Amino acid sequence: MGADRMILDTCALLWLADEAGNKLSQATLGIINNADTVYVSAISGFEIAAKVNSGKLQLPTTPREWFDEILKFHNLEKLDLNLETCIKAVELPRIHKDPCDRFIIATALLLGMSVVTADKYFAEYGVHVLY
């Protein structure tokens, strides 16, 4: 499992979008920029919209518009949730409690993708992690 196909966790997506305060390493940014395809889970849209709705995150536009602009600007592909991913997320060992992250982990495992994340729990599921 290499870094040629990867999925961003929600924090990594936010960091990629915030170039001024980017917390991704230059090496990881280089890998993202040179990757064939970089994916984002639809669950990240839910998570970002929920953070905006709760007041924990501010965006310059609506979550839908922001998400669409970021996907286009960074040439990211959105992955919708499907039944297989939803069931896999529930079947994962209870190492990670965050359901949104469990969807991203399940997606990475099912599709053989690396994950760009700073979350230490992702690697415990056997996924290749980039930070």
C-alpha atoms as a PDB file:
ATOM      1  CA  MET A   1       0.000   0.000   0.000  1.00  0.00           C
ATOM      2  CA  GLY A   2       1.753   3.119  -1.190  1.00  0.00           C
ATOM      3  CA  ALA A   3       1.115   6.808  -1.205  1.00  0.00           C
ATOM      4  CA  ASP A   4      -0.041   6.904  -4.830  1.00  0.00           C
ATOM      5  CA  ARG A   5      -3.712   6.784  -3.747  1.00  0.00           C
ATOM      6  CA  MET A   6      -4.565   8.605  -0.594  1.00  0.00           C
ATOM      7  CA  ILE A   7      -7.435  10.019   1.386  1.00  0.00           C
ATOM      8  CA  LEU A   8      -7.279  13.092   3.591  1.00  0.00           C
ATOM      9  CA  ASP A   9      -8.801  13.027   7.025  1.00  0.00           C
ATOM     10  CA  THR A  10     -10.884  16.087   7.883  1.00  0.00           C
ATOM     11  CA  CYS A  11      -8.096  17.897   9.745  1.00  0.00           C
ATOM     12  CA  ALA A  12      -5.701  17.322   6.836  1.00  0.00           C
ATOM     13  CA  LEU A  13      -8.311  18.742   4.446  1.00  0.00           C
ATOM     14  CA  LEU A  14      -8.651  21.847   6.619  1.00  0.00           C
ATOM     15  CA  TRP A  15      -4.856  22.197   6.828  1.00  0.00           C
ATOM     16  CA  LEU A  16      -4.494  21.834   3.057  1.00  0.00           C
ATOM     17  CA  ALA A  17      -7.109  24.546   2.554  1.00  0.00           C
ATOM     18  CA  ASP A  18      -5.398  26.895   5.041  1.00  0.00           C
ATOM     19  CA  GLU A  19      -2.133  27.496   3.217  1.00  0.00           C
ATOM     20  CA  ALA A  20      -1.120  30.315   5.574  1.00  0.00           C
ATOM     21  CA  GLY A  21      -1.267  28.092   8.635  1.00  0.00           C
ATOM     22  CA  ASN A  22      -0.569  24.796   6.928  1.00  0.00           C
ATOM     23  CA  LYS A  23       0.374  22.109   9.450  1.00  0.00           C
ATOM     24  CA  LEU A  24       1.253  19.517   6.806  1.00  0.00           C
ATOM     25  CA  SER A  25       4.943  18.826   6.295  1.00  0.00           C
ATOM     26  CA  GLN A  26       6.566  19.953   3.063  1.00  0.00           C
ATOM     27  CA  ALA A  27       7.245  16.305   2.241  1.00  0.00           C
ATOM     28  CA  THR A  28       3.572  15.385   2.630  1.00  0.00           C
ATOM     29  CA  LEU A  29       2.495  18.429   0.605  1.00  0.00           C
ATOM     30  CA  GLY A  30       4.846  17.277  -2.141  1.00  0.00           C
ATOM     31  CA  ILE A  31       3.352  13.779  -2.056  1.00  0.00           C
ATOM     32  CA  ILE A  32      -0.178  15.208  -2.205  1.00  0.00           C
ATOM     33  CA  ASN A  33       0.722  17.490  -5.111  1.00  0.00           C
ATOM     34  CA  ASN A  34       2.339  14.635  -7.057  1.00  0.00           C
ATOM     35  CA  ALA A  35      -0.247  11.949  -6.288  1.00  0.00           C
ATOM     36  CA  ASP A  36      -2.331  10.521  -9.102  1.00  0.00           C
ATOM     37  CA  THR A  37      -5.518  11.112  -7.133  1.00  0.00           C
ATOM     38  CA  VAL A  38      -6.219  12.459  -3.665  1.00  0.00           C
ATOM     39  CA  TYR A  39      -9.588  11.655  -2.152  1.00  0.00           C
ATOM     40  CA  VAL A  40     -11.803  13.175   0.513  1.00  0.00           C
ATOM     41  CA  SER A  41     -14.606  11.270   2.192  1.00  0.00           C
ATOM     42  CA  ALA A  42     -18.117  12.697   2.102  1.00  0.00           C
ATOM     43  CA  ILE A  43     -18.078  12.271   5.891  1.00  0.00           C
ATOM     44  CA  SER A  44     -15.611  15.188   5.995  1.00  0.00           C
ATOM     45  CA  GLY A  45     -18.378  17.363   4.550  1.00  0.00           C
ATOM     46  CA  PHE A  46     -20.622  16.285   7.403  1.00  0.00           C
ATOM     47  CA  GLU A  47     -17.907  16.913   9.979  1.00  0.00           C
ATOM     48  CA  ILE A  48     -17.048  20.368   8.633  1.00  0.00           C
ATOM     49  CA  ALA A  49     -20.708  21.410   8.388  1.00  0.00           C
ATOM     50  CA  ALA A  50     -21.308  20.178  11.947  1.00  0.00           C
ATOM     51  CA  LYS A  51     -18.336  22.205  13.240  1.00  0.00           C
ATOM     52  CA  VAL A  52     -19.600  25.321  11.473  1.00  0.00           C
ATOM     53  CA  ASN A  53     -23.108  24.750  12.826  1.00  0.00           C
ATOM     54  CA  SER A  54     -21.803  24.393  16.390  1.00  0.00           C
ATOM     55  CA  GLY A  55     -19.635  27.528  16.123  1.00  0.00           C
ATOM     56  CA  LYS A  56     -16.335  25.588  16.416  1.00  0.00           C
ATOM     57  CA  LEU A  57     -15.263  26.463  12.877  1.00  0.00           C
ATOM     58  CA  GLN A  58     -15.690  29.552  10.739  1.00  0.00           C
ATOM     59  CA  LEU A  59     -15.499  29.472   6.960  1.00  0.00           C
ATOM     60  CA  PRO A  60     -15.555  32.371   4.494  1.00  0.00           C
ATOM     61  CA  THR A  61     -18.636  30.862   2.814  1.00  0.00           C
ATOM     62  CA  THR A  62     -21.202  28.131   3.407  1.00  0.00           C
ATOM     63  CA  PRO A  63     -19.842  24.624   4.094  1.00  0.00           C
ATOM     64  CA  ARG A  64     -21.226  23.355   0.760  1.00  0.00           C
ATOM     65  CA  GLU A  65     -19.626  26.188  -1.229  1.00  0.00           C
ATOM     66  CA  TRP A  66     -16.355  25.897   0.705  1.00  0.00           C
ATOM     67  CA  PHE A  67     -16.179  22.153   0.166  1.00  0.00           C
ATOM     68  CA  ASP A  68     -16.907  22.465  -3.564  1.00  0.00           C
ATOM     69  CA  GLU A  69     -14.288  25.224  -3.965  1.00  0.00           C
ATOM     70  CA  ILE A  70     -11.612  23.271  -2.081  1.00  0.00           C
ATOM     71  CA  LEU A  71     -12.257  20.095  -4.077  1.00  0.00           C
ATOM     72  CA  LYS A  72     -11.945  22.016  -7.326  1.00  0.00           C
ATOM     73  CA  PHE A  73      -8.954  24.181  -6.305  1.00  0.00           C
ATOM     74  CA  HIS A  74      -6.890  21.225  -5.033  1.00  0.00           C
ATOM     75  CA  ASN A  75      -8.185  18.766  -7.650  1.00  0.00           C
ATOM     76  CA  LEU A  76      -9.536  16.415  -4.974  1.00  0.00           C
ATOM     77  CA  GLU A  77     -12.020  13.618  -5.591  1.00  0.00           C
ATOM     78  CA  LYS A  78     -14.966  13.088  -3.241  1.00  0.00           C
ATOM     79  CA  LEU A  79     -15.771   9.554  -2.132  1.00  0.00           C
ATOM     80  CA  ASP A  80     -19.370   8.954  -1.150  1.00  0.00           C
ATOM     81  CA  LEU A  81     -20.188   6.567   1.666  1.00  0.00           C
ATOM     82  CA  ASN A  82     -21.579   3.218   0.595  1.00  0.00           C
ATOM     83  CA  LEU A  83     -23.054   0.282   2.459  1.00  0.00           C
ATOM     84  CA  GLU A  84     -19.788  -1.681   2.521  1.00  0.00           C
ATOM     85  CA  THR A  85     -17.899   1.257   4.046  1.00  0.00           C
ATOM     86  CA  CYS A  86     -20.612   1.941   6.612  1.00  0.00           C
ATOM     87  CA  ILE A  87     -20.654  -1.669   7.789  1.00  0.00           C
ATOM     88  CA  LYS A  88     -16.839  -1.902   7.811  1.00  0.00           C
ATOM     89  CA  ALA A  89     -16.652   1.252   9.982  1.00  0.00           C
ATOM     90  CA  VAL A  90     -18.846  -0.428  12.606  1.00  0.00           C
ATOM     91  CA  GLU A  91     -16.945  -3.734  12.425  1.00  0.00           C
ATOM     92  CA  LEU A  92     -13.544  -2.123  13.079  1.00  0.00           C
ATOM     93  CA  PRO A  93     -11.955  -2.794  16.478  1.00  0.00           C
ATOM     94  CA  ARG A  94     -12.879  -0.080  18.984  1.00  0.00           C
ATOM     95  CA  ILE A  95      -9.423   1.513  18.944  1.00  0.00           C
ATOM     96  CA  HIS A  96     -10.786   4.806  17.641  1.00  0.00           C
ATOM     97  CA  LYS A  97     -14.077   6.108  19.018  1.00  0.00           C
ATOM     98  CA  ASP A  98     -14.707   8.972  16.535  1.00  0.00           C
ATOM     99  CA  PRO A  99     -17.299   7.683  14.043  1.00  0.00           C
ATOM    100  CA  CYS A 100     -16.223  10.115  11.309  1.00  0.00           C
ATOM    101  CA  ASP A 101     -12.629   8.910  11.507  1.00  0.00           C
ATOM    102  CA  ARG A 102     -13.829   5.298  11.505  1.00  0.00           C
ATOM    103  CA  PHE A 103     -15.526   5.937   8.128  1.00  0.00           C
ATOM    104  CA  ILE A 104     -12.253   7.308   6.745  1.00  0.00           C
ATOM    105  CA  ILE A 105     -10.279   4.360   8.158  1.00  0.00           C
ATOM    106  CA  ALA A 106     -12.793   1.890   6.700  1.00  0.00           C
ATOM    107  CA  THR A 107     -12.544   3.599   3.300  1.00  0.00           C
ATOM    108  CA  ALA A 108      -8.742   3.451   3.374  1.00  0.00           C
ATOM    109  CA  LEU A 109      -8.740  -0.229   4.308  1.00  0.00           C
ATOM    110  CA  LEU A 110     -11.319  -1.229   1.710  1.00  0.00           C
ATOM    111  CA  LEU A 111      -9.661   0.723  -1.103  1.00  0.00           C
ATOM    112  CA  GLY A 112      -6.014   0.199  -0.108  1.00  0.00           C
ATOM    113  CA  MET A 113      -5.287   3.884   0.431  1.00  0.00           C
ATOM    114  CA  SER A 114      -2.862   5.818   2.564  1.00  0.00           C
ATOM    115  CA  VAL A 115      -4.356   8.393   4.938  1.00  0.00           C
ATOM    116  CA  VAL A 116      -3.023  11.890   5.509  1.00  0.00           C
ATOM    117  CA  THR A 117      -3.596  12.483   9.211  1.00  0.00           C
ATOM    118  CA  ALA A 118      -1.903  13.471  12.442  1.00  0.00           C
ATOM    119  CA  ASP A 119      -4.154  11.074  14.357  1.00  0.00           C
ATOM    120  CA  LYS A 120      -2.039   8.349  15.976  1.00  0.00           C
ATOM    121  CA  TYR A 121      -4.901   5.850  16.037  1.00  0.00           C
ATOM    122  CA  PHE A 122      -5.151   5.460  12.251  1.00  0.00           C
ATOM    123  CA  ALA A 123      -1.889   3.487  12.032  1.00  0.00           C
ATOM    124  CA  GLU A 124      -3.155   1.042  14.659  1.00  0.00           C
ATOM    125  CA  TYR A 125      -5.640  -0.206  12.050  1.00  0.00           C
ATOM    126  CA  GLY A 126      -2.822  -1.096   9.651  1.00  0.00           C
ATOM    127  CA  VAL A 127      -3.325   1.818   7.269  1.00  0.00           C
ATOM    128  CA  HIS A 128      -0.303   3.635   5.872  1.00  0.00           C
ATOM    129  CA  VAL A 129      -0.265   7.122   7.403  1.00  0.00           C
ATOM    130  CA  LEU A 130       1.269  10.312   6.030  1.00  0.00           C
ATOM    131  CA  TYR A 131       1.629  13.505   8.037  1.00  0.00           C
END
